[in-house]
Protein backbone atom coordinates (compact mmCIF):
# COMPACT_ATOMS: atom_id res chain seq x y z
CA MET A 1 101.90 81.47 14.65
CA SER A 2 100.18 78.31 15.79
CA ASP A 3 96.84 80.11 16.13
CA LYS A 4 97.15 81.44 12.60
CA ASN A 5 97.75 77.95 11.22
CA ASN A 6 94.78 76.67 13.15
CA ASP A 7 92.57 79.40 11.70
CA GLN A 8 93.70 78.52 8.17
CA GLU A 9 92.95 74.80 8.77
CA LEU A 10 89.49 75.72 10.14
CA GLU A 11 88.72 77.81 7.04
CA LYS A 12 89.78 74.92 4.75
CA THR A 13 87.62 72.50 6.69
CA THR A 14 84.64 74.88 6.57
CA ASP A 15 85.03 75.36 2.81
CA ALA A 16 85.24 71.59 2.26
CA THR A 17 82.15 71.03 4.37
CA ALA A 18 80.24 73.70 2.44
CA ASP A 19 81.23 72.03 -0.87
CA GLU A 20 79.98 68.67 0.41
CA VAL A 21 76.75 70.22 1.59
CA THR A 22 76.25 71.89 -1.80
CA SER A 23 77.01 68.66 -3.71
CA GLU A 24 74.43 66.73 -1.65
CA THR A 25 71.84 69.48 -1.76
CA GLU A 26 71.72 69.74 -5.55
CA PRO A 27 70.71 66.10 -6.22
CA ASN A 28 67.98 66.45 -3.61
CA ASP A 29 66.59 69.47 -5.48
CA ALA A 30 66.65 67.48 -8.75
CA ILE A 31 64.80 64.53 -7.19
CA GLU A 32 62.18 66.84 -5.74
CA SER A 33 61.70 68.37 -9.21
CA VAL A 34 61.17 64.94 -10.87
CA LEU A 35 58.70 63.81 -8.21
CA ALA A 36 56.74 67.03 -8.55
CA ASP A 37 56.43 66.50 -12.32
CA SER A 38 55.22 62.87 -11.95
CA VAL A 39 52.37 63.58 -9.47
CA GLN A 40 49.24 65.15 -10.82
CA PHE A 41 48.16 66.75 -7.54
CA SER A 42 49.02 70.09 -5.92
CA VAL A 43 51.05 69.44 -2.73
CA THR A 44 52.20 72.26 -0.39
CA PHE A 45 55.13 71.91 2.02
CA ASP A 46 55.84 74.05 5.09
CA ASP A 47 59.52 74.68 4.16
CA VAL A 48 58.70 77.14 1.36
CA ASP A 49 59.29 80.77 2.31
CA ASP A 50 57.20 83.79 1.42
CA GLU A 51 59.18 84.41 -1.78
CA GLY A 52 58.53 80.90 -3.09
CA THR A 53 62.09 79.61 -2.57
CA VAL A 54 63.00 76.43 -0.73
CA ASP A 55 64.94 76.80 2.53
CA ASP A 56 68.19 74.83 2.03
CA GLY A 57 68.96 75.00 5.72
CA ILE A 58 67.02 71.82 6.46
CA TYR A 59 68.84 69.76 3.86
CA SER A 60 72.25 71.33 4.70
CA ALA A 61 71.82 70.49 8.36
CA LEU A 62 70.77 66.91 7.53
CA ALA A 63 73.75 66.53 5.17
CA SER A 64 76.15 67.81 7.83
CA ALA A 65 74.71 65.40 10.38
CA GLU A 66 75.13 62.42 7.98
CA THR A 67 78.77 63.30 7.06
CA GLY A 68 79.78 63.83 10.67
CA ALA A 69 81.15 67.34 9.94
CA THR A 70 80.30 68.33 13.49
CA ASP A 71 80.35 66.28 16.65
CA GLU A 72 77.71 68.25 18.48
CA THR A 73 74.30 69.52 17.32
CA SER A 74 74.03 73.28 17.35
CA GLU A 75 70.88 75.15 18.20
CA ALA A 76 70.38 76.07 14.50
CA GLU A 77 70.79 72.44 13.48
CA ALA A 78 68.29 71.31 16.13
CA ASP A 79 65.79 73.84 14.77
CA ALA A 80 66.43 72.56 11.26
CA ILE A 81 65.81 68.92 12.26
CA ALA A 82 62.59 69.90 14.06
CA SER A 83 61.49 71.76 10.96
CA ALA A 84 62.28 68.67 8.84
CA ASN A 85 60.13 66.50 11.12
CA ALA A 86 57.27 68.97 10.75
CA SER A 87 57.71 68.88 6.99
CA ALA A 88 57.50 65.05 7.05
CA GLU A 89 54.20 65.26 8.92
CA VAL A 90 52.82 67.66 6.33
CA THR A 91 53.94 65.29 3.56
CA GLU A 92 52.13 62.38 5.24
CA ARG A 93 48.92 64.39 5.50
CA ASN A 94 49.10 65.36 1.83
CA ALA A 95 49.76 61.72 0.83
CA ALA A 96 46.72 60.61 2.84
CA ARG A 97 44.57 63.18 1.00
CA VAL A 98 45.89 61.89 -2.33
CA ASP A 99 45.00 58.27 -1.41
CA GLU A 100 41.51 59.33 -0.37
CA THR A 101 41.03 61.15 -3.67
CA LEU A 102 42.09 58.04 -5.60
CA ARG A 103 39.63 55.86 -3.65
CA LEU A 104 36.80 58.25 -4.41
CA ALA A 105 37.71 58.17 -8.11
CA LYS A 106 37.55 54.36 -8.13
CA THR A 107 34.19 54.39 -6.34
CA ASP A 108 32.68 56.79 -8.86
CA HIS A 109 34.01 54.82 -11.84
CA LYS A 110 31.22 53.20 -13.87
CA ASP A 111 31.43 49.73 -15.34
CA ALA A 112 30.96 50.22 -19.08
CA LEU A 113 30.24 46.53 -19.62
CA ALA A 114 27.43 46.58 -17.05
CA GLU A 115 25.88 49.61 -18.78
CA HIS A 116 25.72 47.74 -22.10
CA ALA A 117 24.60 44.48 -20.53
CA GLU A 118 21.29 45.93 -19.30
CA PRO A 119 18.76 47.63 -21.59
CA GLN A 120 18.32 51.36 -21.16
CA GLY A 121 15.65 52.30 -18.69
CA LYS A 122 15.77 48.89 -16.94
CA ALA A 123 16.56 49.17 -13.25
CA THR A 124 19.29 46.86 -11.97
CA ASP A 125 20.96 46.29 -8.64
CA PRO A 126 24.30 48.15 -8.84
CA THR A 127 25.89 45.63 -6.45
CA MET A 128 25.05 42.65 -8.68
CA THR A 129 28.04 41.35 -10.64
CA LEU A 130 27.97 40.40 -14.31
CA ALA A 131 28.24 36.70 -13.40
CA SER A 132 25.22 37.04 -11.09
CA ARG A 133 23.15 38.64 -13.84
CA ILE A 134 24.07 35.82 -16.24
CA ASP A 135 23.10 33.22 -13.63
CA ARG A 136 19.77 34.99 -13.13
CA VAL A 137 19.01 34.76 -16.88
CA LEU A 138 19.98 31.10 -17.06
CA VAL A 139 17.75 29.99 -14.20
CA GLY A 140 15.00 32.56 -14.60
CA GLY A 141 12.83 30.67 -17.06
CA GLY A 142 10.55 32.41 -19.53
CA SER A 143 11.68 33.46 -23.01
CA ASP A 144 15.29 34.23 -22.06
CA ASP A 145 16.24 30.59 -21.51
CA ILE A 146 14.90 29.73 -24.98
CA LEU A 147 16.99 32.41 -26.67
CA LEU A 148 20.18 30.93 -25.20
CA LYS A 149 19.63 27.47 -26.73
CA THR A 150 21.23 26.58 -30.06
CA TYR A 151 18.62 24.15 -31.39
CA PRO A 152 14.92 23.60 -30.61
CA THR A 153 14.16 20.31 -28.89
CA PHE A 154 11.74 19.47 -31.70
CA ALA A 155 10.89 21.43 -34.84
CA LEU A 156 9.20 21.26 -38.22
CA ASN A 157 11.01 23.38 -40.81
CA LYS A 158 8.85 24.17 -43.85
CA VAL A 159 7.41 20.64 -43.99
CA THR A 160 5.17 19.73 -46.90
CA VAL A 161 3.17 16.51 -47.24
CA ALA A 162 1.73 15.96 -50.70
CA GLY A 163 -1.89 14.92 -51.24
CA PRO A 164 -2.94 11.70 -53.00
CA LYS A 165 -2.32 11.52 -56.78
CA GLY A 166 -0.65 14.92 -56.90
CA LYS A 167 -3.63 16.79 -55.54
CA VAL A 168 -3.41 19.71 -53.12
CA ASN A 169 -0.89 19.31 -50.32
CA ILE A 170 -2.19 18.00 -47.00
CA LEU A 171 0.48 20.00 -45.18
CA ASP A 172 2.01 23.03 -46.84
CA ASP A 173 5.17 24.55 -45.29
CA ALA A 174 4.28 23.58 -41.71
CA ASN A 175 6.73 25.44 -39.49
CA PHE A 176 7.09 25.55 -35.69
CA SER A 177 9.68 25.07 -32.93
CA CYS A 178 9.26 23.48 -29.50
CA TYR A 179 11.51 23.37 -26.42
CA SER A 180 11.82 21.18 -23.35
CA GLY A 181 10.18 22.61 -20.25
CA HIS A 182 7.11 23.75 -22.19
CA ALA A 183 3.75 22.30 -23.26
CA TYR A 184 2.58 23.00 -26.82
CA ALA A 185 -0.70 22.42 -28.64
CA LEU A 186 -1.14 22.05 -32.40
CA LEU A 187 -4.68 23.24 -33.11
CA ILE A 188 -5.74 21.39 -36.28
CA SER A 189 -8.78 22.48 -38.25
CA ASP A 190 -10.50 21.73 -41.56
CA ASP A 191 -9.57 23.67 -44.69
CA PRO A 192 -12.82 24.32 -46.59
CA ASP A 193 -11.02 25.83 -49.58
CA SER A 194 -8.89 22.76 -50.28
CA GLY A 195 -11.28 20.19 -48.87
CA ILE A 196 -8.56 18.84 -46.51
CA THR A 197 -10.10 17.67 -43.23
CA ALA A 198 -8.64 18.11 -39.74
CA ASP A 199 -8.31 14.31 -39.40
CA ALA A 200 -6.27 14.09 -42.61
CA ARG A 201 -3.95 16.81 -41.39
CA ARG A 202 -3.64 15.21 -37.97
CA ARG A 203 -2.67 11.82 -39.47
CA ALA A 204 -0.14 13.51 -41.76
CA LEU A 205 1.38 15.37 -38.83
CA MET A 206 1.63 12.24 -36.70
CA GLY A 207 3.29 10.44 -39.60
CA VAL A 208 6.06 13.00 -40.19
CA MET A 209 6.55 13.83 -36.50
CA SER A 210 7.01 10.16 -35.54
CA GLY A 211 9.31 9.43 -38.48
CA LEU A 212 6.92 6.98 -40.14
CA THR A 213 6.36 9.31 -43.11
CA THR A 214 9.01 11.17 -45.08
CA PRO A 215 7.92 14.72 -45.99
CA ALA A 216 7.93 15.84 -49.63
CA SER A 217 10.03 18.82 -48.57
CA GLY A 218 11.35 20.35 -45.39
CA THR A 219 12.83 18.67 -42.34
CA VAL A 220 11.68 17.35 -38.98
CA MET A 221 14.42 17.96 -36.42
CA ASN A 222 15.14 16.65 -32.93
CA LYS A 223 17.74 19.19 -31.83
CA SER A 224 20.49 18.95 -34.48
CA ALA A 225 19.36 15.55 -35.86
CA ASN A 226 17.10 15.08 -38.86
CA ILE A 227 14.79 12.27 -37.73
CA VAL A 228 14.65 10.61 -41.18
CA GLU A 229 18.39 9.90 -40.76
CA LEU A 230 17.96 8.09 -37.42
CA GLU A 231 17.41 4.37 -36.84
CA PRO A 232 13.83 3.56 -35.73
CA VAL A 233 15.05 1.97 -32.50
CA GLU A 234 17.00 5.14 -31.66
CA LEU A 235 14.15 7.47 -32.65
CA ARG A 236 11.15 5.74 -31.10
CA GLY A 237 13.08 3.79 -28.50
CA HIS A 238 14.69 6.82 -26.88
CA ARG A 239 14.25 10.22 -28.52
CA LEU A 240 10.45 10.32 -29.01
CA GLY A 241 7.62 9.16 -26.78
CA ILE A 242 4.49 8.61 -28.90
CA VAL A 243 0.93 8.31 -27.56
CA PRO A 244 -1.42 7.50 -30.49
CA GLN A 245 -5.17 7.33 -30.29
CA LEU A 246 -5.28 3.63 -31.16
CA HIS A 247 -3.20 0.85 -29.60
CA ALA A 248 -1.59 3.15 -27.06
CA VAL A 249 -1.60 0.31 -24.49
CA GLN A 250 -1.68 -3.50 -24.42
CA PRO A 251 -5.20 -4.08 -23.02
CA ASN A 252 -4.50 -7.63 -21.80
CA LEU A 253 -1.48 -6.61 -19.69
CA ASP A 254 -1.61 -4.85 -16.35
CA ALA A 255 -0.22 -1.33 -15.91
CA GLU A 256 3.22 -2.39 -14.71
CA GLN A 257 3.63 -4.93 -17.53
CA ASN A 258 2.61 -2.31 -20.08
CA VAL A 259 5.44 -0.03 -19.00
CA LEU A 260 7.92 -2.94 -18.87
CA TYR A 261 6.86 -3.91 -22.41
CA ALA A 262 7.98 -0.50 -23.72
CA MET A 263 11.19 -0.54 -21.67
CA ASN A 264 12.19 -3.96 -23.00
CA ALA A 265 11.45 -2.95 -26.59
CA SER A 266 13.80 0.04 -26.31
CA ASN A 267 16.90 -2.17 -25.77
CA ARG A 268 18.17 0.33 -23.23
CA ASN A 269 20.03 -0.24 -19.97
CA PHE A 270 18.59 1.14 -16.75
CA LEU A 271 20.29 1.94 -13.46
CA LYS A 272 17.50 0.50 -11.28
CA PRO A 273 15.38 -2.64 -11.60
CA LYS A 274 12.82 -2.12 -14.35
CA PRO A 275 9.75 -3.01 -12.21
CA VAL A 276 10.80 -0.34 -9.70
CA ILE A 277 11.11 2.26 -12.46
CA ALA A 278 7.74 1.21 -13.93
CA ARG A 279 5.94 1.76 -10.63
CA GLU A 280 7.68 5.11 -10.11
CA LEU A 281 6.60 6.31 -13.56
CA LEU A 282 3.00 5.27 -13.00
CA ALA A 283 2.96 7.21 -9.75
CA LYS A 284 4.57 10.21 -11.49
CA VAL A 285 1.71 10.54 -13.99
CA GLY A 286 -0.97 10.13 -11.29
CA PHE A 287 -2.08 6.54 -12.01
CA SER A 288 -4.32 5.59 -9.07
CA GLU A 289 -5.31 1.96 -9.80
CA ALA A 290 -3.54 -1.28 -8.91
CA THR A 291 -0.30 -1.47 -10.84
CA SER A 292 -0.35 -5.25 -11.17
CA GLY A 293 -2.91 -8.04 -11.43
CA VAL A 294 -5.56 -5.98 -13.29
CA ALA A 295 -5.72 -5.83 -17.10
CA VAL A 296 -5.48 -2.24 -18.32
CA GLY A 297 -8.37 -2.85 -20.78
CA THR A 298 -10.75 -3.18 -17.81
CA LEU A 299 -9.73 0.16 -16.25
CA PRO A 300 -11.46 3.54 -16.77
CA LEU A 301 -10.42 5.31 -19.97
CA VAL A 302 -8.61 8.11 -18.11
CA GLN A 303 -6.44 5.54 -16.29
CA GLN A 304 -5.62 3.87 -19.63
CA ARG A 305 -4.42 7.24 -20.94
CA LEU A 306 -2.19 7.70 -17.90
CA VAL A 307 -0.65 4.25 -18.48
CA ALA A 308 0.01 5.23 -22.11
CA ILE A 309 1.79 8.40 -20.96
CA ALA A 310 3.92 6.41 -18.49
CA ARG A 311 4.86 4.02 -21.32
CA ALA A 312 5.87 6.97 -23.53
CA ILE A 313 8.32 8.39 -21.00
CA SER A 314 9.68 5.02 -19.82
CA THR A 315 12.49 5.09 -22.43
CA GLU A 316 13.72 8.47 -21.15
CA ALA A 317 12.36 10.26 -24.22
CA GLU A 318 12.64 14.03 -23.98
CA VAL A 319 9.92 14.71 -26.58
CA LEU A 320 6.38 13.54 -25.84
CA ILE A 321 3.89 13.63 -28.77
CA LEU A 322 0.23 12.87 -28.04
CA ASP A 323 -2.60 12.47 -30.57
CA GLU A 324 -5.87 13.76 -29.05
CA PRO A 325 -5.05 12.47 -25.53
CA THR A 326 -8.30 13.84 -24.05
CA ARG A 327 -10.71 12.62 -26.74
CA GLY A 328 -13.66 10.71 -25.23
CA LEU A 329 -13.03 12.00 -21.68
CA ASN A 330 -15.30 14.12 -19.53
CA ALA A 331 -14.18 17.52 -18.26
CA ASP A 332 -12.75 16.20 -14.97
CA ASP A 333 -10.74 13.50 -16.74
CA GLU A 334 -9.45 16.03 -19.27
CA VAL A 335 -8.09 18.09 -16.38
CA THR A 336 -6.44 14.98 -14.89
CA VAL A 337 -4.66 14.12 -18.15
CA PHE A 338 -3.56 17.65 -18.90
CA ALA A 339 -2.34 18.18 -15.33
CA ALA A 340 -0.10 15.10 -15.75
CA LEU A 341 1.28 16.51 -19.03
CA ALA A 342 1.91 19.95 -17.50
CA LYS A 343 3.79 18.33 -14.63
CA LEU A 344 6.03 16.44 -17.06
CA ALA A 345 6.75 19.64 -18.98
CA HIS A 346 7.40 22.00 -16.10
CA THR A 347 8.95 19.87 -13.35
CA GLY A 348 11.36 17.01 -12.92
CA ASP A 349 14.76 16.23 -14.38
CA PRO A 350 14.73 16.19 -17.29
CA LYS A 351 11.86 18.46 -18.19
CA HIS A 352 9.96 17.21 -21.23
CA CYS A 353 8.87 18.85 -24.44
CA VAL A 354 5.15 18.04 -24.59
CA ILE A 355 3.29 18.41 -27.92
CA VAL A 356 -0.46 17.77 -28.05
CA LEU A 357 -2.32 17.43 -31.36
CA THR A 358 -5.97 18.41 -30.93
CA ALA A 359 -8.98 19.82 -32.72
CA SER A 360 -10.34 21.28 -29.47
CA ARG A 361 -9.59 24.97 -29.00
CA GLU A 362 -10.36 24.67 -25.28
CA ILE A 363 -7.68 22.01 -24.85
CA ALA A 364 -5.23 23.87 -27.08
CA GLU A 365 -5.58 27.08 -25.08
CA ALA A 366 -4.60 25.22 -21.90
CA ALA A 367 -1.07 24.73 -23.28
CA ASP A 368 1.79 27.17 -22.85
CA THR A 369 1.94 27.87 -26.60
CA LEU A 370 -0.59 27.27 -29.39
CA PHE A 371 0.23 26.70 -33.07
CA LYS A 372 -2.52 26.70 -35.69
CA ILE A 373 -2.15 24.09 -38.43
């Protein structure tokens, strides 16, 4: 009788264990189904039989082990655990293949912004970032740096200067733009049809460009400022450096005193002693005579022109306007003067905007850009 009761208890225990195994197996199947739907890759596991059904023995054995239904591991359960370990290894290998596929997809992905940033057909370094390409444009020089600036350093916008007594205009819609870091030449010529001479045009240009003459129409701009709206001390004491043909220097003063004369007239403050700055500026333009003790009027003409250029930049003017700076010089002296102007335009901090008014085509063609007036 006791054996029969024991058998009945064993059957009840077995049925209860089977129910628990079934209840834990079903959620596992549901989780596997959700994971399979969320992954867009085909993954194969070793615990699928030939008929395409999943072997529940693995999960039943694991569930029995977790619930403590048996105290000792049977041979079947040991096989099931070994099979589960093998399945885990297969899962790891498949996950590794998925990660590798994702890395390859990222590598092959093309940067749409980089494609639009460079013109079609222009070769670029694929490893160069967008920031690097922008930096290259900013420091590269040429036309690109001009396109990125909002305002020209100096410009005439449709400037007209009327002739005497209402006659034909001396300047008619003069229009050009100039930028720092470049040397420009305004090639001025006679106009046989109107009878306006090159000298008349040159004087009219110097008048409106220096702010001494107000144009009949149009504007003369230094960046965003209309120069007719500026105070003379601000315009000619800081913004513009003017080198006229006549009275460009004080002939009775030496070179250093000439530069100091312009610095004092500007009412500006300087970080270093003014005599030190004056000597540095004279050296910068290539002045080769004694800087003090010798009147400039006694020096060669080319050295007088260099002193005039040093005076023009002594007030930290960014725009340098010169009226026939090489007139009366021989070929070697012309090269000396123009080399000094090119150095001011292309080197140093700040770089200058150099504008030369000339009737000589040879001189005009030596500039970076030529405008015909």
